[in-house]
């Protein structure tokens, strides 16, 4: 990302604090939409991702009908969000990890966190 981008300094701050990481090769795409999996991972990283063993992750994610669609890199983070009671799902209990994250969902997460 060019250093003249309006959000460059803010992005450098979150990258340096390890709250966010870039994509492959440390690339950062500031105008790309964020999926729910990515947004939940960012939130969990800022909150403090818990170190769950794989068996526990699988047990916690099993009740969610679309758990198999969660990318491997996001499973621990999403487990953290669920365990802490910050997860919201659709009416069928789906996490919908590959859909874009709306500002409404991020506001919900932050609201739950601040309570």
PDB file of N, CA and C in Angstrom:
ATOM      1  N   UNK A   1       0.839  -1.163   0.000  1.00  0.00           N
ATOM      2  CA  UNK A   1       0.000   0.000   0.000  1.00  0.00           C
ATOM      3  C   UNK A   1       0.890   1.234   0.000  1.00  0.00           C
ATOM      4  N   UNK A   2       0.550   2.196  -0.823  1.00  0.00           N
ATOM      5  CA  UNK A   2       1.380   3.406  -0.873  1.00  0.00           C
ATOM      6  C   UNK A   2       1.260   4.214   0.425  1.00  0.00           C
ATOM      7  N   UNK A   3       2.346   4.853   0.807  1.00  0.00           N
ATOM      8  CA  UNK A   3       2.350   5.594   2.067  1.00  0.00           C
ATOM      9  C   UNK A   3       1.531   6.882   2.002  1.00  0.00           C
ATOM     10  N   UNK A   4       0.992   7.229   0.841  1.00  0.00           N
ATOM     11  CA  UNK A   4       0.141   8.412   0.739  1.00  0.00           C
ATOM     12  C   UNK A   4      -1.347   8.058   0.876  1.00  0.00           C
ATOM     13  N   UNK A   5      -1.673   6.769   1.020  1.00  0.00           N
ATOM     14  CA  UNK A   5      -3.067   6.358   1.212  1.00  0.00           C
ATOM     15  C   UNK A   5      -3.578   6.976   2.507  1.00  0.00           C
ATOM     16  N   UNK A   6      -4.826   7.434   2.530  1.00  0.00           N
ATOM     17  CA  UNK A   6      -5.367   8.150   3.691  1.00  0.00           C
ATOM     18  C   UNK A   6      -5.328   7.328   4.973  1.00  0.00           C
ATOM     19  N   UNK A   7      -5.358   6.000   4.886  1.00  0.00           N
ATOM     20  CA  UNK A   7      -5.367   5.160   6.084  1.00  0.00           C
ATOM     21  C   UNK A   7      -4.020   4.499   6.354  1.00  0.00           C
ATOM     22  N   UNK A   8      -2.992   4.912   5.642  1.00  0.00           N
ATOM     23  CA  UNK A   8      -1.685   4.254   5.748  1.00  0.00           C
ATOM     24  C   UNK A   8      -1.182   4.183   7.192  1.00  0.00           C
ATOM     25  N   UNK A   9      -1.196   5.304   7.906  1.00  0.00           N
ATOM     26  CA  UNK A   9      -0.661   5.321   9.273  1.00  0.00           C
ATOM     27  C   UNK A   9      -1.469   4.420  10.204  1.00  0.00           C
ATOM     28  N   UNK A  10      -2.787   4.440  10.063  1.00  0.00           N
ATOM     29  CA  UNK A  10      -3.629   3.581  10.898  1.00  0.00           C
ATOM     30  C   UNK A  10      -3.362   2.106  10.613  1.00  0.00           C
ATOM     31  N   UNK A  11      -3.216   1.784   9.339  1.00  0.00           N
ATOM     32  CA  UNK A  11      -2.946   0.393   8.974  1.00  0.00           C
ATOM     33  C   UNK A  11      -1.583  -0.052   9.485  1.00  0.00           C
ATOM     34  N   UNK A  12      -0.617   0.822   9.443  1.00  0.00           N
ATOM     35  CA  UNK A  12       0.707   0.486   9.977  1.00  0.00           C
ATOM     36  C   UNK A  12       0.626   0.214  11.479  1.00  0.00           C
ATOM     37  N   UNK A  13      -0.204   0.979  12.180  1.00  0.00           N
ATOM     38  CA  UNK A  13      -0.367   0.790  13.623  1.00  0.00           C
ATOM     39  C   UNK A  13      -0.934  -0.586  13.933  1.00  0.00           C
ATOM     40  N   UNK A  14      -2.015  -0.965  13.251  1.00  0.00           N
ATOM     41  CA  UNK A  14      -2.612  -2.275  13.546  1.00  0.00           C
ATOM     42  C   UNK A  14      -1.726  -3.417  13.080  1.00  0.00           C
ATOM     43  N   UNK A  15      -0.949  -3.211  12.022  1.00  0.00           N
ATOM     44  CA  UNK A  15      -0.025  -4.251  11.585  1.00  0.00           C
ATOM     45  C   UNK A  15       1.120  -4.411  12.590  1.00  0.00           C
ATOM     46  N   UNK A  16       1.634  -3.302  13.097  1.00  0.00           N
ATOM     47  CA  UNK A  16       2.743  -3.355  14.057  1.00  0.00           C
ATOM     48  C   UNK A  16       2.317  -3.961  15.388  1.00  0.00           C
ATOM     49  N   UNK A  17       1.075  -3.761  15.778  1.00  0.00           N
ATOM     50  CA  UNK A  17       0.591  -4.318  17.042  1.00  0.00           C
ATOM     51  C   UNK A  17       0.156  -5.768  16.892  1.00  0.00           C
ATOM     52  N   UNK A  18       0.236  -6.288  15.693  1.00  0.00           N
ATOM     53  CA  UNK A  18      -0.106  -7.684  15.395  1.00  0.00           C
ATOM     54  C   UNK A  18      -1.597  -7.977  15.521  1.00  0.00           C
ATOM     55  N   UNK A  19      -2.426  -6.937  15.537  1.00  0.00           N
ATOM     56  CA  UNK A  19      -3.869  -7.146  15.560  1.00  0.00           C
ATOM     57  C   UNK A  19      -4.322  -7.643  14.191  1.00  0.00           C
ATOM     58  N   UNK A  20      -3.716  -7.127  13.146  1.00  0.00           N
ATOM     59  CA  UNK A  20      -4.020  -7.562  11.785  1.00  0.00           C
ATOM     60  C   UNK A  20      -2.734  -7.986  11.107  1.00  0.00           C
ATOM     61  N   UNK A  21      -2.908  -8.893  10.157  1.00  0.00           N
ATOM     62  CA  UNK A  21      -1.778  -9.322   9.339  1.00  0.00           C
ATOM     63  C   UNK A  21      -2.178  -9.134   7.881  1.00  0.00           C
ATOM     64  N   UNK A  22      -1.209  -8.939   7.047  1.00  0.00           N
ATOM     65  CA  UNK A  22      -1.505  -8.826   5.626  1.00  0.00           C
ATOM     66  C   UNK A  22      -1.782 -10.197   5.025  1.00  0.00           C
ATOM     67  N   UNK A  23      -2.117 -10.185   3.770  1.00  0.00           N
ATOM     68  CA  UNK A  23      -2.316 -11.438   3.040  1.00  0.00           C
ATOM     69  C   UNK A  23      -0.965 -11.992   2.634  1.00  0.00           C
ATOM     70  N   UNK A  24      -0.987 -13.006   1.799  1.00  0.00           N
ATOM     71  CA  UNK A  24       0.243 -13.629   1.324  1.00  0.00           C
ATOM     72  C   UNK A  24       1.276 -12.578   0.960  1.00  0.00           C
ATOM     73  N   UNK A  25       2.478 -12.776   1.422  1.00  0.00           N
ATOM     74  CA  UNK A  25       3.537 -11.834   1.104  1.00  0.00           C
ATOM     75  C   UNK A  25       3.366 -10.508   1.809  1.00  0.00           C
ATOM     76  N   UNK A  26       2.589 -10.487   2.892  1.00  0.00           N
ATOM     77  CA  UNK A  26       2.347  -9.272   3.669  1.00  0.00           C
ATOM     78  C   UNK A  26       1.680  -8.167   2.849  1.00  0.00           C
ATOM     79  N   UNK A  27       0.876  -8.559   1.880  1.00  0.00           N
ATOM     80  CA  UNK A  27       0.138  -7.591   1.069  1.00  0.00           C
ATOM     81  C   UNK A  27      -1.088  -7.132   1.845  1.00  0.00           C
ATOM     82  N   UNK A  28      -1.491  -5.900   1.617  1.00  0.00           N
ATOM     83  CA  UNK A  28      -2.657  -5.343   2.289  1.00  0.00           C
ATOM     84  C   UNK A  28      -3.511  -4.674   1.227  1.00  0.00           C
ATOM     85  N   UNK A  29      -4.757  -5.061   1.148  1.00  0.00           N
ATOM     86  CA  UNK A  29      -5.653  -4.541   0.123  1.00  0.00           C
ATOM     87  C   UNK A  29      -6.741  -3.708   0.808  1.00  0.00           C
ATOM     88  N   UNK A  30      -6.523  -2.414   0.984  1.00  0.00           N
ATOM     89  CA  UNK A  30      -7.417  -1.585   1.798  1.00  0.00           C
ATOM     90  C   UNK A  30      -8.830  -1.426   1.255  1.00  0.00           C
ATOM     91  N   UNK A  31      -9.038  -1.657  -0.006  1.00  0.00           N
ATOM     92  CA  UNK A  31     -10.372  -1.470  -0.573  1.00  0.00           C
ATOM     93  C   UNK A  31     -11.112  -2.786  -0.796  1.00  0.00           C
ATOM     94  N   UNK A  32     -10.492  -3.881  -0.429  1.00  0.00           N
ATOM     95  CA  UNK A  32     -11.113  -5.193  -0.591  1.00  0.00           C
ATOM     96  C   UNK A  32     -12.133  -5.413   0.520  1.00  0.00           C
ATOM     97  N   UNK A  33     -13.273  -6.026   0.188  1.00  0.00           N
ATOM     98  CA  UNK A  33     -14.270  -6.336   1.208  1.00  0.00           C
ATOM     99  C   UNK A  33     -13.720  -7.409   2.143  1.00  0.00           C
ATOM    100  N   UNK A  34     -14.105  -7.330   3.395  1.00  0.00           N
ATOM    101  CA  UNK A  34     -13.659  -8.262   4.416  1.00  0.00           C
ATOM    102  C   UNK A  34     -14.741  -9.312   4.616  1.00  0.00           C
ATOM    103  N   UNK A  35     -14.356 -10.590   4.597  1.00  0.00           N
ATOM    104  CA  UNK A  35     -15.325 -11.647   4.869  1.00  0.00           C
ATOM    105  C   UNK A  35     -15.585 -11.713   6.370  1.00  0.00           C
ATOM    106  N   UNK A  36     -16.661 -12.395   6.730  1.00  0.00           N
ATOM    107  CA  UNK A  36     -16.949 -12.578   8.153  1.00  0.00           C
ATOM    108  C   UNK A  36     -15.799 -13.317   8.832  1.00  0.00           C
ATOM    109  N   UNK A  37     -15.212 -14.313   8.160  1.00  0.00           N
ATOM    110  CA  UNK A  37     -14.087 -15.040   8.751  1.00  0.00           C
ATOM    111  C   UNK A  37     -12.927 -14.092   9.024  1.00  0.00           C
ATOM    112  N   UNK A  38     -12.631 -13.220   8.076  1.00  0.00           N
ATOM    113  CA  UNK A  38     -11.534 -12.258   8.263  1.00  0.00           C
ATOM    114  C   UNK A  38     -11.859 -11.272   9.379  1.00  0.00           C
ATOM    115  N   UNK A  39     -13.074 -10.742   9.387  1.00  0.00           N
ATOM    116  CA  UNK A  39     -13.470  -9.786  10.412  1.00  0.00           C
ATOM    117  C   UNK A  39     -13.467 -10.402  11.806  1.00  0.00           C
ATOM    118  N   UNK A  40     -13.972 -11.637  11.901  1.00  0.00           N
ATOM    119  CA  UNK A  40     -13.972 -12.325  13.191  1.00  0.00           C
ATOM    120  C   UNK A  40     -12.554 -12.627  13.644  1.00  0.00           C
ATOM    121  N   UNK A  41     -11.675 -12.960  12.698  1.00  0.00           N
ATOM    122  CA  UNK A  41     -10.278 -13.219  13.041  1.00  0.00           C
ATOM    123  C   UNK A  41      -9.588 -11.946  13.535  1.00  0.00           C
ATOM    124  N   UNK A  42      -9.873 -10.822  12.907  1.00  0.00           N
ATOM    125  CA  UNK A  42      -9.301  -9.540  13.350  1.00  0.00           C
ATOM    126  C   UNK A  42      -9.788  -9.231  14.762  1.00  0.00           C
ATOM    127  N   UNK A  43     -11.084  -9.410  14.984  1.00  0.00           N
ATOM    128  CA  UNK A  43     -11.645  -9.147  16.306  1.00  0.00           C
ATOM    129  C   UNK A  43     -11.015 -10.075  17.352  1.00  0.00           C
ATOM    130  N   UNK A  44     -10.932 -11.363  17.042  1.00  0.00           N
ATOM    131  CA  UNK A  44     -10.364 -12.325  17.990  1.00  0.00           C
ATOM    132  C   UNK A  44      -8.901 -12.017  18.273  1.00  0.00           C
ATOM    133  N   UNK A  45      -8.165 -11.590  17.254  1.00  0.00           N
ATOM    134  CA  UNK A  45      -6.754 -11.249  17.449  1.00  0.00           C
ATOM    135  C   UNK A  45      -6.621 -10.053  18.393  1.00  0.00           C
ATOM    136  N   UNK A  46      -7.482  -9.072  18.239  1.00  0.00           N
ATOM    137  CA  UNK A  46      -7.448  -7.901  19.120  1.00  0.00           C
ATOM    138  C   UNK A  46      -7.888  -8.284  20.534  1.00  0.00           C
ATOM    139  N   UNK A  47      -8.850  -9.187  20.621  1.00  0.00           N
ATOM    140  CA  UNK A  47      -9.383  -9.618  21.912  1.00  0.00           C
ATOM    141  C   UNK A  47      -8.387 -10.514  22.642  1.00  0.00           C
ATOM    142  N   UNK A  48      -7.708 -11.369  21.884  1.00  0.00           N
ATOM    143  CA  UNK A  48      -6.768 -12.334  22.451  1.00  0.00           C
ATOM    144  C   UNK A  48      -7.205 -13.738  22.092  1.00  0.00           C
ATOM    145  N   UNK A  49      -6.692 -14.259  21.004  1.00  0.00           N
ATOM    146  CA  UNK A  49      -7.080 -15.592  20.540  1.00  0.00           C
ATOM    147  C   UNK A  49      -6.613 -16.639  21.538  1.00  0.00           C
ATOM    148  N   UNK A  50      -7.537 -17.474  21.953  1.00  0.00           N
ATOM    149  CA  UNK A  50      -7.206 -18.548  22.876  1.00  0.00           C
ATOM    150  C   UNK A  50      -6.567 -19.708  22.123  1.00  0.00           C
ATOM    151  N   UNK A  51      -5.714 -20.426  22.789  1.00  0.00           N
ATOM    152  CA  UNK A  51      -5.001 -21.547  22.174  1.00  0.00           C
ATOM    153  C   UNK A  51      -5.761 -22.847  22.446  1.00  0.00           C
ATOM    154  N   UNK A  52      -6.729 -23.142  21.615  1.00  0.00           N
ATOM    155  CA  UNK A  52      -7.522 -24.356  21.753  1.00  0.00           C
ATOM    156  C   UNK A  52      -6.865 -25.506  21.004  1.00  0.00           C
ATOM    157  N   UNK A  53      -6.901 -26.710  21.568  1.00  0.00           N
ATOM    158  CA  UNK A  53      -6.453 -27.875  20.790  1.00  0.00           C
ATOM    159  C   UNK A  53      -7.473 -28.166  19.686  1.00  0.00           C
ATOM    160  N   UNK A  54      -7.021 -28.836  18.641  1.00  0.00           N
ATOM    161  CA  UNK A  54      -7.887 -29.123  17.485  1.00  0.00           C
ATOM    162  C   UNK A  54      -9.174 -29.837  17.888  1.00  0.00           C
ATOM    163  N   UNK A  55      -9.096 -30.777  18.828  1.00  0.00           N
ATOM    164  CA  UNK A  55     -10.284 -31.520  19.242  1.00  0.00           C
ATOM    165  C   UNK A  55     -11.327 -30.582  19.852  1.00  0.00           C
ATOM    166  N   UNK A  56     -10.888 -29.643  20.665  1.00  0.00           N
ATOM    167  CA  UNK A  56     -11.808 -28.679  21.282  1.00  0.00           C
ATOM    168  C   UNK A  56     -12.423 -27.777  20.219  1.00  0.00           C
ATOM    169  N   UNK A  57     -11.609 -27.326  19.268  1.00  0.00           N
ATOM    170  CA  UNK A  57     -12.122 -26.496  18.172  1.00  0.00           C
ATOM    171  C   UNK A  57     -13.223 -27.245  17.433  1.00  0.00           C
ATOM    172  N   UNK A  58     -12.960 -28.512  17.093  1.00  0.00           N
ATOM    173  CA  UNK A  58     -13.952 -29.313  16.373  1.00  0.00           C
ATOM    174  C   UNK A  58     -15.233 -29.484  17.185  1.00  0.00           C
ATOM    175  N   UNK A  59     -15.102 -29.718  18.495  1.00  0.00           N
ATOM    176  CA  UNK A  59     -16.281 -29.887  19.356  1.00  0.00           C
ATOM    177  C   UNK A  59     -17.105 -28.607  19.422  1.00  0.00           C
ATOM    178  N   UNK A  60     -16.449 -27.478  19.536  1.00  0.00           N
ATOM    179  CA  UNK A  60     -17.168 -26.200  19.644  1.00  0.00           C
ATOM    180  C   UNK A  60     -17.835 -25.825  18.328  1.00  0.00           C
ATOM    181  N   UNK A  61     -17.196 -26.141  17.205  1.00  0.00           N
ATOM    182  CA  UNK A  61     -17.752 -25.768  15.898  1.00  0.00           C
ATOM    183  C   UNK A  61     -18.796 -26.750  15.370  1.00  0.00           C
ATOM    184  N   UNK A  62     -18.839 -27.964  15.900  1.00  0.00           N
ATOM    185  CA  UNK A  62     -19.738 -29.001  15.386  1.00  0.00           C
ATOM    186  C   UNK A  62     -21.208 -28.581  15.311  1.00  0.00           C
ATOM    187  N   UNK A  63     -21.758 -27.875  16.298  1.00  0.00           N
ATOM    188  CA  UNK A  63     -23.187 -27.531  16.210  1.00  0.00           C
ATOM    189  C   UNK A  63     -23.560 -26.570  15.077  1.00  0.00           C
ATOM    190  N   UNK A  64     -22.605 -25.917  14.480  1.00  0.00           N
ATOM    191  CA  UNK A  64     -22.893 -24.937  13.435  1.00  0.00           C
ATOM    192  C   UNK A  64     -22.974 -25.646  12.082  1.00  0.00           C
ATOM    193  N   UNK A  65     -24.135 -25.559  11.404  1.00  0.00           N
ATOM    194  CA  UNK A  65     -24.330 -26.303  10.159  1.00  0.00           C
ATOM    195  C   UNK A  65     -23.275 -26.021   9.083  1.00  0.00           C
ATOM    196  N   UNK A  66     -22.722 -24.809   9.049  1.00  0.00           N
ATOM    197  CA  UNK A  66     -21.766 -24.470   7.990  1.00  0.00           C
ATOM    198  C   UNK A  66     -20.318 -24.436   8.497  1.00  0.00           C
ATOM    199  N   UNK A  67     -20.048 -25.130   9.580  1.00  0.00           N
ATOM    200  CA  UNK A  67     -18.695 -25.132  10.160  1.00  0.00           C
ATOM    201  C   UNK A  67     -17.636 -25.610   9.167  1.00  0.00           C
ATOM    202  N   UNK A  68     -18.006 -26.492   8.266  1.00  0.00           N
ATOM    203  CA  UNK A  68     -17.028 -27.022   7.293  1.00  0.00           C
ATOM    204  C   UNK A  68     -16.567 -25.947   6.313  1.00  0.00           C
ATOM    205  N   UNK A  69     -17.293 -24.842   6.213  1.00  0.00           N
ATOM    206  CA  UNK A  69     -16.899 -23.775   5.280  1.00  0.00           C
ATOM    207  C   UNK A  69     -15.950 -22.760   5.915  1.00  0.00           C
ATOM    208  N   UNK A  70     -15.660 -22.927   7.214  1.00  0.00           N
ATOM    209  CA  UNK A  70     -14.733 -22.006   7.884  1.00  0.00           C
ATOM    210  C   UNK A  70     -13.316 -22.338   7.414  1.00  0.00           C
ATOM    211  N   UNK A  71     -12.589 -21.362   6.883  1.00  0.00           N
ATOM    212  CA  UNK A  71     -11.208 -21.628   6.457  1.00  0.00           C
ATOM    213  C   UNK A  71     -10.368 -22.091   7.654  1.00  0.00           C
ATOM    214  N   UNK A  72      -9.435 -22.988   7.413  1.00  0.00           N
ATOM    215  CA  UNK A  72      -8.593 -23.528   8.491  1.00  0.00           C
ATOM    216  C   UNK A  72      -7.930 -22.431   9.312  1.00  0.00           C
ATOM    217  N   UNK A  73      -7.434 -21.388   8.656  1.00  0.00           N
ATOM    218  CA  UNK A  73      -6.721 -20.327   9.363  1.00  0.00           C
ATOM    219  C   UNK A  73      -7.630 -19.544  10.308  1.00  0.00           C
ATOM    220  N   UNK A  74      -8.969 -19.622  10.128  1.00  0.00           N
ATOM    221  CA  UNK A  74      -9.901 -18.846  10.942  1.00  0.00           C
ATOM    222  C   UNK A  74     -10.583 -19.661  12.033  1.00  0.00           C
ATOM    223  N   UNK A  75     -10.367 -20.965  12.074  1.00  0.00           N
ATOM    224  CA  UNK A  75     -11.101 -21.825  13.004  1.00  0.00           C
ATOM    225  C   UNK A  75     -10.818 -21.491  14.474  1.00  0.00           C
ATOM    226  N   UNK A  76      -9.585 -21.251  14.820  1.00  0.00           N
ATOM    227  CA  UNK A  76      -9.241 -20.934  16.208  1.00  0.00           C
ATOM    228  C   UNK A  76      -9.831 -19.584  16.617  1.00  0.00           C
ATOM    229  N   UNK A  77      -9.757 -18.620  15.726  1.00  0.00           N
ATOM    230  CA  UNK A  77     -10.303 -17.289  16.018  1.00  0.00           C
ATOM    231  C   UNK A  77     -11.817 -17.342  16.184  1.00  0.00           C
ATOM    232  N   UNK A  78     -12.496 -18.046  15.302  1.00  0.00           N
ATOM    233  CA  UNK A  78     -13.950 -18.141  15.392  1.00  0.00           C
ATOM    234  C   UNK A  78     -14.353 -18.910  16.642  1.00  0.00           C
ATOM    235  N   UNK A  79     -13.574 -19.919  17.018  1.00  0.00           N
ATOM    236  CA  UNK A  79     -13.826 -20.636  18.269  1.00  0.00           C
ATOM    237  C   UNK A  79     -13.712 -19.683  19.457  1.00  0.00           C
ATOM    238  N   UNK A  80     -12.740 -18.788  19.415  1.00  0.00           N
ATOM    239  CA  UNK A  80     -12.597 -17.788  20.478  1.00  0.00           C
ATOM    240  C   UNK A  80     -13.831 -16.908  20.554  1.00  0.00           C
ATOM    241  N   UNK A  81     -14.296 -16.419  19.412  1.00  0.00           N
ATOM    242  CA  UNK A  81     -15.465 -15.539  19.378  1.00  0.00           C
ATOM    243  C   UNK A  81     -16.697 -16.268  19.921  1.00  0.00           C
ATOM    244  N   UNK A  82     -16.864 -17.532  19.555  1.00  0.00           N
ATOM    245  CA  UNK A  82     -17.996 -18.326  20.047  1.00  0.00           C
ATOM    246  C   UNK A  82     -17.883 -18.524  21.559  1.00  0.00           C
ATOM    247  N   UNK A  83     -16.720 -18.944  22.022  1.00  0.00           N
ATOM    248  CA  UNK A  83     -16.499 -19.237  23.440  1.00  0.00           C
ATOM    249  C   UNK A  83     -16.760 -18.019  24.319  1.00  0.00           C
ATOM    250  N   UNK A  84     -16.412 -16.852  23.818  1.00  0.00           N
ATOM    251  CA  UNK A  84     -16.606 -15.629  24.593  1.00  0.00           C
ATOM    252  C   UNK A  84     -18.022 -15.059  24.477  1.00  0.00           C
ATOM    253  N   UNK A  85     -18.864 -15.714  23.670  1.00  0.00           N
ATOM    254  CA  UNK A  85     -20.259 -15.289  23.559  1.00  0.00           C
ATOM    255  C   UNK A  85     -20.487 -14.116  22.632  1.00  0.00           C
ATOM    256  N   UNK A  86     -19.553 -13.862  21.716  1.00  0.00           N
ATOM    257  CA  UNK A  86     -19.675 -12.730  20.809  1.00  0.00           C
ATOM    258  C   UNK A  86     -20.250 -13.117  19.443  1.00  0.00           C
ATOM    259  N   UNK A  87     -20.461 -14.398  19.196  1.00  0.00           N
ATOM    260  CA  UNK A  87     -20.886 -14.855  17.876  1.00  0.00           C
ATOM    261  C   UNK A  87     -22.360 -14.583  17.652  1.00  0.00           C
ATOM    262  N   UNK A  88     -22.686 -14.108  16.478  1.00  0.00           N
ATOM    263  CA  UNK A  88     -24.073 -14.031  16.054  1.00  0.00           C
ATOM    264  C   UNK A  88     -24.192 -14.850  14.773  1.00  0.00           C
ATOM    265  N   UNK A  89     -25.306 -15.527  14.639  1.00  0.00           N
ATOM    266  CA  UNK A  89     -25.529 -16.398  13.488  1.00  0.00           C
ATOM    267  C   UNK A  89     -26.839 -16.012  12.815  1.00  0.00           C
ATOM    268  N   UNK A  90     -27.100 -16.655  11.675  1.00  0.00           N
ATOM    269  CA  UNK A  90     -28.399 -16.444  11.046  1.00  0.00           C
ATOM    270  C   UNK A  90     -29.432 -17.308  11.783  1.00  0.00           C
ATOM    271  N   UNK A  91     -30.677 -17.281  11.329  1.00  0.00           N
ATOM    272  CA  UNK A  91     -31.765 -17.988  12.010  1.00  0.00           C
ATOM    273  C   UNK A  91     -31.553 -19.505  12.053  1.00  0.00           C
ATOM    274  N   UNK A  92     -30.771 -20.038  11.123  1.00  0.00           N
ATOM    275  CA  UNK A  92     -30.507 -21.469  11.089  1.00  0.00           C
ATOM    276  C   UNK A  92     -29.240 -21.849  11.862  1.00  0.00           C
ATOM    277  N   UNK A  93     -28.575 -20.874  12.469  1.00  0.00           N
ATOM    278  CA  UNK A  93     -27.368 -21.150  13.240  1.00  0.00           C
ATOM    279  C   UNK A  93     -26.094 -21.169  12.414  1.00  0.00           C
ATOM    280  N   UNK A  94     -26.146 -20.634  11.199  1.00  0.00           N
ATOM    281  CA  UNK A  94     -24.968 -20.594  10.335  1.00  0.00           C
ATOM    282  C   UNK A  94     -24.085 -19.393  10.663  1.00  0.00           C
ATOM    283  N   UNK A  95     -22.790 -19.614  10.612  1.00  0.00           N
ATOM    284  CA  UNK A  95     -21.808 -18.552  10.860  1.00  0.00           C
ATOM    285  C   UNK A  95     -21.601 -17.702   9.610  1.00  0.00           C
ATOM    286  N   UNK A  96     -21.729 -18.283   8.457  1.00  0.00           N
ATOM    287  CA  UNK A  96     -21.564 -17.619   7.161  1.00  0.00           C
ATOM    288  C   UNK A  96     -20.179 -16.965   7.028  1.00  0.00           C
ATOM    289  N   UNK A  97     -19.120 -17.736   7.203  1.00  0.00           N
ATOM    290  CA  UNK A  97     -17.774 -17.164   7.244  1.00  0.00           C
ATOM    291  C   UNK A  97     -17.284 -16.549   5.944  1.00  0.00           C
ATOM    292  N   UNK A  98     -17.857 -16.919   4.817  1.00  0.00           N
ATOM    293  CA  UNK A  98     -17.343 -16.423   3.538  1.00  0.00           C
ATOM    294  C   UNK A  98     -18.127 -15.234   2.994  1.00  0.00           C
ATOM    295  N   UNK A  99     -19.206 -14.858   3.672  1.00  0.00           N
ATOM    296  CA  UNK A  99     -19.961 -13.673   3.254  1.00  0.00           C
ATOM    297  C   UNK A  99     -19.244 -12.410   3.721  1.00  0.00           C
ATOM    298  N   UNK A 100     -19.484 -11.297   3.050  1.00  0.00           N
ATOM    299  CA  UNK A 100     -18.864 -10.045   3.505  1.00  0.00           C
ATOM    300  C   UNK A 100     -19.351  -9.670   4.909  1.00  0.00           C
ATOM    301  N   UNK A 101     -18.467  -9.088   5.683  1.00  0.00           N
ATOM    302  CA  UNK A 101     -18.843  -8.621   7.016  1.00  0.00           C
ATOM    303  C   UNK A 101     -19.397  -7.210   6.892  1.00  0.00           C
ATOM    304  N   UNK A 102     -20.571  -7.028   7.420  1.00  0.00           N
ATOM    305  CA  UNK A 102     -21.190  -5.707   7.355  1.00  0.00           C
ATOM    306  C   UNK A 102     -20.756  -4.870   8.553  1.00  0.00           C
ATOM    307  N   UNK A 103     -20.848  -3.556   8.420  1.00  0.00           N
ATOM    308  CA  UNK A 103     -20.562  -2.699   9.570  1.00  0.00           C
ATOM    309  C   UNK A 103     -21.474  -3.021  10.757  1.00  0.00           C
ATOM    310  N   UNK A 104     -22.695  -3.482  10.470  1.00  0.00           N
ATOM    311  CA  UNK A 104     -23.639  -3.851  11.529  1.00  0.00           C
ATOM    312  C   UNK A 104     -23.087  -4.988  12.375  1.00  0.00           C
ATOM    313  N   UNK A 105     -22.471  -5.993  11.729  1.00  0.00           N
ATOM    314  CA  UNK A 105     -21.908  -7.126  12.461  1.00  0.00           C
ATOM    315  C   UNK A 105     -20.714  -6.675  13.294  1.00  0.00           C
ATOM    316  N   UNK A 106     -19.856  -5.834  12.729  1.00  0.00           N
ATOM    317  CA  UNK A 106     -18.708  -5.341  13.494  1.00  0.00           C
ATOM    318  C   UNK A 106     -19.190  -4.515  14.682  1.00  0.00           C
ATOM    319  N   UNK A 107     -20.226  -3.710  14.496  1.00  0.00           N
ATOM    320  CA  UNK A 107     -20.781  -2.929  15.608  1.00  0.00           C
ATOM    321  C   UNK A 107     -21.333  -3.857  16.684  1.00  0.00           C
ATOM    322  N   UNK A 108     -21.990  -4.946  16.260  1.00  0.00           N
ATOM    323  CA  UNK A 108     -22.504  -5.922  17.219  1.00  0.00           C
ATOM    324  C   UNK A 108     -21.360  -6.507  18.039  1.00  0.00           C
ATOM    325  N   UNK A 109     -20.313  -6.954  17.380  1.00  0.00           N
ATOM    326  CA  UNK A 109     -19.154  -7.541  18.080  1.00  0.00           C
ATOM    327  C   UNK A 109     -18.555  -6.557  19.064  1.00  0.00           C
ATOM    328  N   UNK A 110     -18.318  -5.344  18.606  1.00  0.00           N
ATOM    329  CA  UNK A 110     -17.724  -4.339  19.471  1.00  0.00           C
ATOM    330  C   UNK A 110     -18.647  -3.988  20.643  1.00  0.00           C
ATOM    331  N   UNK A 111     -19.950  -3.938  20.381  1.00  0.00           N
ATOM    332  CA  UNK A 111     -20.923  -3.685  21.443  1.00  0.00           C
ATOM    333  C   UNK A 111     -20.914  -4.781  22.495  1.00  0.00           C
ATOM    334  N   UNK A 112     -20.850  -6.042  22.044  1.00  0.00           N
ATOM    335  CA  UNK A 112     -20.772  -7.169  22.977  1.00  0.00           C
ATOM    336  C   UNK A 112     -19.486  -7.102  23.798  1.00  0.00           C
ATOM    337  N   UNK A 113     -18.411  -6.780  23.126  1.00  0.00           N
ATOM    338  CA  UNK A 113     -17.107  -6.679  23.793  1.00  0.00           C
ATOM    339  C   UNK A 113     -17.099  -5.570  24.853  1.00  0.00           C
ATOM    340  N   UNK A 114     -17.676  -4.440  24.528  1.00  0.00           N
ATOM    341  CA  UNK A 114     -17.674  -3.305  25.445  1.00  0.00           C
ATOM    342  C   UNK A 114     -18.620  -3.484  26.628  1.00  0.00           C
ATOM    343  N   UNK A 115     -19.578  -4.393  26.522  1.00  0.00           N
ATOM    344  CA  UNK A 115     -20.480  -4.655  27.643  1.00  0.00           C
ATOM    345  C   UNK A 115     -19.740  -5.471  28.643  1.00  0.00           C
TER     346      UNK A 115
END
